[in-house]
PDB file of N, CA and C in Angstrom:
ATOM      1  N   UNK A   1     -21.768  16.355  17.771  1.00  0.00           N
ATOM      2  CA  UNK A   1     -20.778  15.608  16.485  1.00  0.00           C
ATOM      3  C   UNK A   1     -21.619  16.116  15.100  1.00  0.00           C
ATOM      4  N   UNK A   2     -20.921  16.061  14.561  1.00  0.00           N
ATOM      5  CA  UNK A   2     -21.897  16.826  12.882  1.00  0.00           C
ATOM      6  C   UNK A   2     -21.943  15.626  12.190  1.00  0.00           C
ATOM      7  N   UNK A   3     -22.975  16.064  11.404  1.00  0.00           N
ATOM      8  CA  UNK A   3     -23.291  15.016  10.302  1.00  0.00           C
ATOM      9  C   UNK A   3     -22.910  15.156   9.200  1.00  0.00           C
ATOM     10  N   UNK A   4     -22.743  13.799   8.264  1.00  0.00           N
ATOM     11  CA  UNK A   4     -21.852  14.042   7.512  1.00  0.00           C
ATOM     12  C   UNK A   4     -22.923  12.946   6.914  1.00  0.00           C
ATOM     13  N   UNK A   5     -22.065  13.769   5.047  1.00  0.00           N
ATOM     14  CA  UNK A   5     -23.401  13.421   4.152  1.00  0.00           C
ATOM     15  C   UNK A   5     -22.093  12.343   3.701  1.00  0.00           C
ATOM     16  N   UNK A   6     -22.741  11.021   3.286  1.00  0.00           N
ATOM     17  CA  UNK A   6     -21.401   9.613   3.099  1.00  0.00           C
ATOM     18  C   UNK A   6     -21.702   9.626   1.054  1.00  0.00           C
ATOM     19  N   UNK A   7     -21.035   8.970   0.431  1.00  0.00           N
ATOM     20  CA  UNK A   7     -21.126   9.426  -1.187  1.00  0.00           C
ATOM     21  C   UNK A   7     -20.680   7.833  -0.963  1.00  0.00           C
ATOM     22  N   UNK A   8     -21.791   7.637  -1.960  1.00  0.00           N
ATOM     23  CA  UNK A   8     -21.004   5.906  -2.635  1.00  0.00           C
ATOM     24  C   UNK A   8     -19.636   6.586  -3.814  1.00  0.00           C
ATOM     25  N   UNK A   9     -19.278   5.448  -2.536  1.00  0.00           N
ATOM     26  CA  UNK A   9     -17.880   5.584  -4.120  1.00  0.00           C
ATOM     27  C   UNK A   9     -17.699   3.897  -4.838  1.00  0.00           C
ATOM     28  N   UNK A  10     -17.874   4.544  -6.149  1.00  0.00           N
ATOM     29  CA  UNK A  10     -17.708   3.388  -7.151  1.00  0.00           C
ATOM     30  C   UNK A  10     -16.304   3.262  -7.472  1.00  0.00           C
ATOM     31  N   UNK A  11     -15.367   2.468  -7.197  1.00  0.00           N
ATOM     32  CA  UNK A  11     -14.094   2.137  -8.015  1.00  0.00           C
ATOM     33  C   UNK A  11     -13.770   2.467  -8.865  1.00  0.00           C
ATOM     34  N   UNK A  12     -13.003   2.867  -9.206  1.00  0.00           N
ATOM     35  CA  UNK A  12     -12.214   3.740 -10.591  1.00  0.00           C
ATOM     36  C   UNK A  12     -10.725   3.343 -10.822  1.00  0.00           C
ATOM     37  N   UNK A  13     -10.662   2.865 -11.098  1.00  0.00           N
ATOM     38  CA  UNK A  13      -8.410   2.005 -12.248  1.00  0.00           C
ATOM     39  C   UNK A  13      -7.933   3.146 -12.030  1.00  0.00           C
ATOM     40  N   UNK A  14      -6.674   2.500 -11.533  1.00  0.00           N
ATOM     41  CA  UNK A  14      -5.561   3.615 -12.091  1.00  0.00           C
ATOM     42  C   UNK A  14      -5.313   4.795 -12.734  1.00  0.00           C
ATOM     43  N   UNK A  15      -5.211   3.861 -14.243  1.00  0.00           N
ATOM     44  CA  UNK A  15      -5.629   3.694 -14.830  1.00  0.00           C
ATOM     45  C   UNK A  15      -5.996   5.610 -15.802  1.00  0.00           C
ATOM     46  N   UNK A  16      -7.655   5.315 -14.850  1.00  0.00           N
ATOM     47  CA  UNK A  16      -8.786   5.756 -15.537  1.00  0.00           C
ATOM     48  C   UNK A  16      -7.710   7.634 -14.423  1.00  0.00           C
ATOM     49  N   UNK A  17      -7.173   7.016 -13.419  1.00  0.00           N
ATOM     50  CA  UNK A  17      -7.503   8.681 -12.424  1.00  0.00           C
ATOM     51  C   UNK A  17      -6.292   9.458 -12.997  1.00  0.00           C
ATOM     52  N   UNK A  18      -5.016   8.557 -13.781  1.00  0.00           N
ATOM     53  CA  UNK A  18      -3.890   9.112 -14.302  1.00  0.00           C
ATOM     54  C   UNK A  18      -4.096   9.765 -15.407  1.00  0.00           C
ATOM     55  N   UNK A  19      -5.192  10.223 -16.331  1.00  0.00           N
ATOM     56  CA  UNK A  19      -5.993  11.103 -16.712  1.00  0.00           C
ATOM     57  C   UNK A  19      -6.195  11.827 -16.341  1.00  0.00           C
ATOM     58  N   UNK A  20      -6.524  12.068 -15.395  1.00  0.00           N
ATOM     59  CA  UNK A  20      -6.787  13.385 -14.805  1.00  0.00           C
ATOM     60  C   UNK A  20      -6.629  14.543 -14.310  1.00  0.00           C
ATOM     61  N   UNK A  21      -6.417  15.634 -15.182  1.00  0.00           N
ATOM     62  CA  UNK A  21      -5.165  16.760 -15.177  1.00  0.00           C
ATOM     63  C   UNK A  21      -5.438  17.539 -13.742  1.00  0.00           C
ATOM     64  N   UNK A  22      -4.562  17.496 -13.304  1.00  0.00           N
ATOM     65  CA  UNK A  22      -3.849  18.862 -12.231  1.00  0.00           C
ATOM     66  C   UNK A  22      -3.331  20.152 -11.908  1.00  0.00           C
ATOM     67  N   UNK A  23      -3.401  21.200 -11.146  1.00  0.00           N
ATOM     68  CA  UNK A  23      -2.714  22.960 -11.916  1.00  0.00           C
ATOM     69  C   UNK A  23      -1.849  22.223 -10.673  1.00  0.00           C
ATOM     70  N   UNK A  24      -0.127  22.501 -11.556  1.00  0.00           N
ATOM     71  CA  UNK A  24       0.532  22.852 -10.955  1.00  0.00           C
ATOM     72  C   UNK A  24       1.210  23.874 -11.351  1.00  0.00           C
ATOM     73  N   UNK A  25       1.367  24.197  -9.978  1.00  0.00           N
ATOM     74  CA  UNK A  25       1.688  25.976  -9.963  1.00  0.00           C
ATOM     75  C   UNK A  25       0.901  27.217 -10.335  1.00  0.00           C
ATOM     76  N   UNK A  26       0.808  28.047 -11.198  1.00  0.00           N
ATOM     77  CA  UNK A  26       0.002  29.263 -11.414  1.00  0.00           C
ATOM     78  C   UNK A  26      -0.569  28.797 -13.242  1.00  0.00           C
ATOM     79  N   UNK A  27       0.342  28.356 -13.465  1.00  0.00           N
ATOM     80  CA  UNK A  27      -0.239  28.798 -14.863  1.00  0.00           C
ATOM     81  C   UNK A  27       0.593  26.893 -16.120  1.00  0.00           C
ATOM     82  N   UNK A  28       0.843  25.801 -15.067  1.00  0.00           N
ATOM     83  CA  UNK A  28       0.815  24.337 -15.721  1.00  0.00           C
ATOM     84  C   UNK A  28      -0.302  22.925 -15.536  1.00  0.00           C
ATOM     85  N   UNK A  29      -0.881  23.333 -16.398  1.00  0.00           N
ATOM     86  CA  UNK A  29      -2.136  21.375 -15.772  1.00  0.00           C
ATOM     87  C   UNK A  29      -1.692  20.967 -16.493  1.00  0.00           C
ATOM     88  N   UNK A  30      -1.358  19.674 -15.469  1.00  0.00           N
ATOM     89  CA  UNK A  30      -0.386  17.772 -15.950  1.00  0.00           C
ATOM     90  C   UNK A  30      -1.424  16.737 -15.814  1.00  0.00           C
ATOM     91  N   UNK A  31      -1.934  15.903 -16.611  1.00  0.00           N
ATOM     92  CA  UNK A  31      -2.578  14.830 -15.759  1.00  0.00           C
ATOM     93  C   UNK A  31      -1.654  14.128 -15.180  1.00  0.00           C
ATOM     94  N   UNK A  32      -2.218  13.384 -13.314  1.00  0.00           N
ATOM     95  CA  UNK A  32      -1.976  12.507 -12.403  1.00  0.00           C
ATOM     96  C   UNK A  32      -0.562  11.867 -13.109  1.00  0.00           C
ATOM     97  N   UNK A  33      -1.084  11.479 -14.359  1.00  0.00           N
ATOM     98  CA  UNK A  33      -0.066   9.994 -14.465  1.00  0.00           C
ATOM     99  C   UNK A  33       1.598  10.530 -14.957  1.00  0.00           C
ATOM    100  N   UNK A  34       1.910  12.056 -14.770  1.00  0.00           N
ATOM    101  CA  UNK A  34       3.038  12.817 -14.644  1.00  0.00           C
ATOM    102  C   UNK A  34       3.437  12.607 -13.787  1.00  0.00           C
ATOM    103  N   UNK A  35       3.501  12.366 -12.454  1.00  0.00           N
ATOM    104  CA  UNK A  35       3.672  12.175 -11.228  1.00  0.00           C
ATOM    105  C   UNK A  35       4.429  10.711 -11.526  1.00  0.00           C
ATOM    106  N   UNK A  36       4.519   9.640 -11.916  1.00  0.00           N
ATOM    107  CA  UNK A  36       4.985   8.273 -12.181  1.00  0.00           C
ATOM    108  C   UNK A  36       5.893   8.654 -12.079  1.00  0.00           C
ATOM    109  N   UNK A  37       6.712   7.474 -11.345  1.00  0.00           N
ATOM    110  CA  UNK A  37       8.538   7.518 -11.293  1.00  0.00           C
ATOM    111  C   UNK A  37       8.445   8.344  -9.447  1.00  0.00           C
ATOM    112  N   UNK A  38       8.121   9.246  -9.825  1.00  0.00           N
ATOM    113  CA  UNK A  38       8.519  10.830  -9.198  1.00  0.00           C
ATOM    114  C   UNK A  38       8.582  11.175  -7.894  1.00  0.00           C
ATOM    115  N   UNK A  39       6.715  11.246  -7.373  1.00  0.00           N
ATOM    116  CA  UNK A  39       5.647  11.157  -6.791  1.00  0.00           C
ATOM    117  C   UNK A  39       5.256  10.452  -6.730  1.00  0.00           C
ATOM    118  N   UNK A  40       4.664   9.599  -5.031  1.00  0.00           N
ATOM    119  CA  UNK A  40       3.460   8.875  -5.103  1.00  0.00           C
ATOM    120  C   UNK A  40       2.188  10.384  -4.558  1.00  0.00           C
ATOM    121  N   UNK A  41       1.188  10.249  -5.313  1.00  0.00           N
ATOM    122  CA  UNK A  41      -0.125  11.418  -5.534  1.00  0.00           C
ATOM    123  C   UNK A  41      -0.970  10.688  -4.412  1.00  0.00           C
ATOM    124  N   UNK A  42      -1.052  11.400  -3.646  1.00  0.00           N
ATOM    125  CA  UNK A  42      -2.974  11.112  -2.766  1.00  0.00           C
ATOM    126  C   UNK A  42      -3.332  11.912  -3.166  1.00  0.00           C
ATOM    127  N   UNK A  43      -4.804  12.274  -3.834  1.00  0.00           N
ATOM    128  CA  UNK A  43      -6.123  11.984  -3.279  1.00  0.00           C
ATOM    129  C   UNK A  43      -7.019  12.363  -2.763  1.00  0.00           C
ATOM    130  N   UNK A  44      -7.173  14.142  -2.262  1.00  0.00           N
ATOM    131  CA  UNK A  44      -7.994  14.799  -1.251  1.00  0.00           C
ATOM    132  C   UNK A  44      -9.464  15.084  -2.323  1.00  0.00           C
ATOM    133  N   UNK A  45     -10.402  14.472  -2.406  1.00  0.00           N
ATOM    134  CA  UNK A  45     -11.511  15.172  -2.924  1.00  0.00           C
ATOM    135  C   UNK A  45     -12.807  15.398  -1.423  1.00  0.00           C
ATOM    136  N   UNK A  46     -12.868  16.312  -1.718  1.00  0.00           N
ATOM    137  CA  UNK A  46     -14.468  16.745  -1.794  1.00  0.00           C
ATOM    138  C   UNK A  46     -15.197  18.270  -1.827  1.00  0.00           C
ATOM    139  N   UNK A  47     -15.684  18.806  -0.914  1.00  0.00           N
ATOM    140  CA  UNK A  47     -16.463  20.615  -1.431  1.00  0.00           C
ATOM    141  C   UNK A  47     -14.699  20.758   0.135  1.00  0.00           C
ATOM    142  N   UNK A  48     -14.812  22.351  -1.385  1.00  0.00           N
ATOM    143  CA  UNK A  48     -13.823  23.114  -0.465  1.00  0.00           C
ATOM    144  C   UNK A  48     -13.649  23.486   1.317  1.00  0.00           C
ATOM    145  N   UNK A  49     -15.059  22.728   1.674  1.00  0.00           N
ATOM    146  CA  UNK A  49     -14.813  22.922   3.085  1.00  0.00           C
ATOM    147  C   UNK A  49     -14.022  22.194   3.860  1.00  0.00           C
ATOM    148  N   UNK A  50     -14.697  20.120   3.059  1.00  0.00           N
ATOM    149  CA  UNK A  50     -13.951  19.155   3.526  1.00  0.00           C
ATOM    150  C   UNK A  50     -12.222  19.100   3.537  1.00  0.00           C
ATOM    151  N   UNK A  51     -12.172  19.608   2.075  1.00  0.00           N
ATOM    152  CA  UNK A  51     -10.984  20.227   1.632  1.00  0.00           C
ATOM    153  C   UNK A  51      -9.857  20.768   2.528  1.00  0.00           C
ATOM    154  N   UNK A  52     -10.702  21.976   3.077  1.00  0.00           N
ATOM    155  CA  UNK A  52      -9.372  22.984   3.692  1.00  0.00           C
ATOM    156  C   UNK A  52      -9.333  22.283   5.083  1.00  0.00           C
ATOM    157  N   UNK A  53     -10.613  21.468   5.535  1.00  0.00           N
ATOM    158  CA  UNK A  53     -10.263  20.686   6.628  1.00  0.00           C
ATOM    159  C   UNK A  53      -9.307  19.987   6.904  1.00  0.00           C
ATOM    160  N   UNK A  54      -9.692  19.063   5.780  1.00  0.00           N
ATOM    161  CA  UNK A  54      -8.568  17.639   5.643  1.00  0.00           C
ATOM    162  C   UNK A  54      -6.868  18.871   6.010  1.00  0.00           C
ATOM    163  N   UNK A  55      -6.647  19.721   5.207  1.00  0.00           N
ATOM    164  CA  UNK A  55      -5.463  19.919   4.261  1.00  0.00           C
ATOM    165  C   UNK A  55      -5.045  20.814   5.463  1.00  0.00           C
ATOM    166  N   UNK A  56      -5.771  21.302   6.607  1.00  0.00           N
ATOM    167  CA  UNK A  56      -5.181  21.942   8.021  1.00  0.00           C
ATOM    168  C   UNK A  56      -5.235  20.526   9.160  1.00  0.00           C
ATOM    169  N   UNK A  57      -5.741  19.311   9.139  1.00  0.00           N
ATOM    170  CA  UNK A  57      -5.340  18.613  10.288  1.00  0.00           C
ATOM    171  C   UNK A  57      -4.292  18.057   9.666  1.00  0.00           C
ATOM    172  N   UNK A  58      -3.901  18.370   7.787  1.00  0.00           N
ATOM    173  CA  UNK A  58      -2.734  17.521   7.892  1.00  0.00           C
ATOM    174  C   UNK A  58      -1.544  17.675   7.824  1.00  0.00           C
ATOM    175  N   UNK A  59      -1.452  19.474   7.714  1.00  0.00           N
ATOM    176  CA  UNK A  59      -0.400  20.653   8.176  1.00  0.00           C
ATOM    177  C   UNK A  59       0.682  20.071   8.858  1.00  0.00           C
ATOM    178  N   UNK A  60       0.390  19.191  10.390  1.00  0.00           N
ATOM    179  CA  UNK A  60       1.842  18.951  10.866  1.00  0.00           C
ATOM    180  C   UNK A  60       2.664  17.649  10.296  1.00  0.00           C
ATOM    181  N   UNK A  61       2.109  17.139   9.217  1.00  0.00           N
ATOM    182  CA  UNK A  61       2.839  16.129   8.564  1.00  0.00           C
ATOM    183  C   UNK A  61       3.240  16.035   6.772  1.00  0.00           C
ATOM    184  N   UNK A  62       2.780  17.151   6.237  1.00  0.00           N
ATOM    185  CA  UNK A  62       3.262  18.093   5.304  1.00  0.00           C
ATOM    186  C   UNK A  62       5.571  17.509   4.847  1.00  0.00           C
ATOM    187  N   UNK A  63       5.948  18.127   5.255  1.00  0.00           N
ATOM    188  CA  UNK A  63       7.518  18.099   5.453  1.00  0.00           C
ATOM    189  C   UNK A  63       7.024  16.555   5.309  1.00  0.00           C
ATOM    190  N   UNK A  64       6.621  15.500   6.109  1.00  0.00           N
ATOM    191  CA  UNK A  64       7.069  14.973   6.197  1.00  0.00           C
ATOM    192  C   UNK A  64       6.162  13.766   4.822  1.00  0.00           C
ATOM    193  N   UNK A  65       5.091  14.170   4.393  1.00  0.00           N
ATOM    194  CA  UNK A  65       5.094  12.854   3.370  1.00  0.00           C
ATOM    195  C   UNK A  65       6.094  14.212   2.031  1.00  0.00           C
ATOM    196  N   UNK A  66       6.293  14.589   2.704  1.00  0.00           N
ATOM    197  CA  UNK A  66       7.397  15.306   0.779  1.00  0.00           C
ATOM    198  C   UNK A  66       8.587  14.524   1.389  1.00  0.00           C
ATOM    199  N   UNK A  67       9.298  14.159   2.557  1.00  0.00           N
ATOM    200  CA  UNK A  67      10.261  13.473   2.735  1.00  0.00           C
ATOM    201  C   UNK A  67      10.140  12.318   2.209  1.00  0.00           C
ATOM    202  N   UNK A  68       9.519  11.829   2.224  1.00  0.00           N
ATOM    203  CA  UNK A  68       9.121  10.140   1.785  1.00  0.00           C
ATOM    204  C   UNK A  68       7.957  10.469   0.396  1.00  0.00           C
ATOM    205  N   UNK A  69       7.892  11.302  -0.786  1.00  0.00           N
ATOM    206  CA  UNK A  69       7.911  11.970  -1.804  1.00  0.00           C
ATOM    207  C   UNK A  69       6.454  11.472  -2.289  1.00  0.00           C
ATOM    208  N   UNK A  70       5.273  12.081  -1.491  1.00  0.00           N
ATOM    209  CA  UNK A  70       4.095  12.157  -1.247  1.00  0.00           C
ATOM    210  C   UNK A  70       3.429  13.375  -1.501  1.00  0.00           C
ATOM    211  N   UNK A  71       3.100  13.733  -2.532  1.00  0.00           N
ATOM    212  CA  UNK A  71       2.245  14.933  -3.111  1.00  0.00           C
ATOM    213  C   UNK A  71       1.039  14.897  -2.681  1.00  0.00           C
ATOM    214  N   UNK A  72       0.045  15.983  -2.217  1.00  0.00           N
ATOM    215  CA  UNK A  72      -1.309  16.018  -1.574  1.00  0.00           C
ATOM    216  C   UNK A  72      -2.517  16.698  -2.920  1.00  0.00           C
ATOM    217  N   UNK A  73      -3.131  15.944  -3.044  1.00  0.00           N
ATOM    218  CA  UNK A  73      -3.958  16.843  -4.571  1.00  0.00           C
ATOM    219  C   UNK A  73      -4.533  16.633  -4.459  1.00  0.00           C
ATOM    220  N   UNK A  74      -5.232  18.238  -3.623  1.00  0.00           N
ATOM    221  CA  UNK A  74      -6.826  18.596  -3.805  1.00  0.00           C
ATOM    222  C   UNK A  74      -7.906  18.780  -4.739  1.00  0.00           C
ATOM    223  N   UNK A  75      -8.678  17.517  -4.650  1.00  0.00           N
ATOM    224  CA  UNK A  75      -9.600  17.505  -6.245  1.00  0.00           C
ATOM    225  C   UNK A  75     -11.154  18.005  -5.519  1.00  0.00           C
ATOM    226  N   UNK A  76     -11.426  19.347  -5.882  1.00  0.00           N
ATOM    227  CA  UNK A  76     -12.356  20.625  -4.987  1.00  0.00           C
ATOM    228  C   UNK A  76     -13.562  20.160  -6.065  1.00  0.00           C
ATOM    229  N   UNK A  77     -14.704  19.400  -5.126  1.00  0.00           N
ATOM    230  CA  UNK A  77     -16.674  19.093  -6.131  1.00  0.00           C
ATOM    231  C   UNK A  77     -17.108  18.514  -5.122  1.00  0.00           C
ATOM    232  N   UNK A  78     -18.772  19.516  -5.109  1.00  0.00           N
ATOM    233  CA  UNK A  78     -20.121  18.388  -4.724  1.00  0.00           C
ATOM    234  C   UNK A  78     -20.291  17.312  -5.416  1.00  0.00           C
ATOM    235  N   UNK A  79     -20.922  16.525  -4.833  1.00  0.00           N
ATOM    236  CA  UNK A  79     -21.220  15.044  -4.995  1.00  0.00           C
ATOM    237  C   UNK A  79     -21.137  15.051  -6.847  1.00  0.00           C
ATOM    238  N   UNK A  80     -22.057  15.638  -7.330  1.00  0.00           N
ATOM    239  CA  UNK A  80     -22.672  16.343  -9.034  1.00  0.00           C
ATOM    240  C   UNK A  80     -21.524  16.371  -9.223  1.00  0.00           C
ATOM    241  N   UNK A  81     -21.187  16.723  -8.744  1.00  0.00           N
ATOM    242  CA  UNK A  81     -19.435  17.290  -9.744  1.00  0.00           C
ATOM    243  C   UNK A  81     -18.764  16.490  -9.973  1.00  0.00           C
ATOM    244  N   UNK A  82     -18.761  15.681  -8.473  1.00  0.00           N
ATOM    245  CA  UNK A  82     -17.067  14.681  -8.974  1.00  0.00           C
ATOM    246  C   UNK A  82     -18.540  13.575  -9.283  1.00  0.00           C
ATOM    247  N   UNK A  83     -19.217  12.947  -9.506  1.00  0.00           N
ATOM    248  CA  UNK A  83     -20.163  12.060  -9.893  1.00  0.00           C
ATOM    249  C   UNK A  83     -19.916  12.497 -11.638  1.00  0.00           C
ATOM    250  N   UNK A  84     -19.665  13.796 -12.115  1.00  0.00           N
ATOM    251  CA  UNK A  84     -19.718  14.141 -13.504  1.00  0.00           C
ATOM    252  C   UNK A  84     -18.385  13.859 -13.592  1.00  0.00           C
ATOM    253  N   UNK A  85     -17.388  14.045 -12.877  1.00  0.00           N
ATOM    254  CA  UNK A  85     -16.377  14.536 -13.199  1.00  0.00           C
ATOM    255  C   UNK A  85     -14.973  12.914 -13.789  1.00  0.00           C
ATOM    256  N   UNK A  86     -16.396  11.893 -12.542  1.00  0.00           N
ATOM    257  CA  UNK A  86     -16.525  10.580 -12.908  1.00  0.00           C
ATOM    258  C   UNK A  86     -16.189   9.901 -14.065  1.00  0.00           C
ATOM    259  N   UNK A  87     -17.792  10.076 -14.688  1.00  0.00           N
ATOM    260  CA  UNK A  87     -18.394   9.658 -15.864  1.00  0.00           C
ATOM    261  C   UNK A  87     -17.078  10.333 -17.295  1.00  0.00           C
ATOM    262  N   UNK A  88     -17.342  11.254 -17.049  1.00  0.00           N
ATOM    263  CA  UNK A  88     -16.103  12.270 -18.039  1.00  0.00           C
ATOM    264  C   UNK A  88     -14.659  11.541 -17.715  1.00  0.00           C
ATOM    265  N   UNK A  89     -14.300  11.413 -17.261  1.00  0.00           N
ATOM    266  CA  UNK A  89     -13.059  10.376 -17.199  1.00  0.00           C
ATOM    267  C   UNK A  89     -13.066   8.897 -18.266  1.00  0.00           C
ATOM    268  N   UNK A  90     -13.934   8.430 -17.327  1.00  0.00           N
ATOM    269  CA  UNK A  90     -14.509   7.244 -17.788  1.00  0.00           C
ATOM    270  C   UNK A  90     -14.706   7.284 -19.555  1.00  0.00           C
ATOM    271  N   UNK A  91     -14.943   8.127 -19.873  1.00  0.00           N
ATOM    272  CA  UNK A  91     -15.548   8.370 -21.536  1.00  0.00           C
ATOM    273  C   UNK A  91     -14.441   8.932 -22.348  1.00  0.00           C
ATOM    274  N   UNK A  92     -13.557   9.430 -21.769  1.00  0.00           N
ATOM    275  CA  UNK A  92     -12.386   9.338 -22.091  1.00  0.00           C
ATOM    276  C   UNK A  92     -11.763   8.610 -22.069  1.00  0.00           C
ATOM    277  N   UNK A  93     -11.381   8.175 -21.137  1.00  0.00           N
ATOM    278  CA  UNK A  93     -10.324   6.852 -21.440  1.00  0.00           C
ATOM    279  C   UNK A  93     -10.648   5.348 -21.815  1.00  0.00           C
ATOM    280  N   UNK A  94     -12.609   6.178 -22.569  1.00  0.00           N
ATOM    281  CA  UNK A  94     -12.541   4.032 -23.813  1.00  0.00           C
ATOM    282  C   UNK A  94     -11.909   4.432 -24.731  1.00  0.00           C
TER     283      UNK A  94
END
């Protein structure tokens, strides 16, 4: 069994995550808040490898998730990047 590095998670308010910007298609970047009312975004955060493995494991469920209005949004970052991203969002939200 492999070793997993656990990150210390600090609770983040939904309003803070709402300002997180995600790429939609190849040329559009929108805040997560744009999904309100049309879909339920689920953020998958981790390294490129972690996200890849998670999305691969989720493949059998993707069609059903879409039918239920769930959008899976990968958020790629290592521990340092992710911590910095959260700090930046918190500063922007103040």
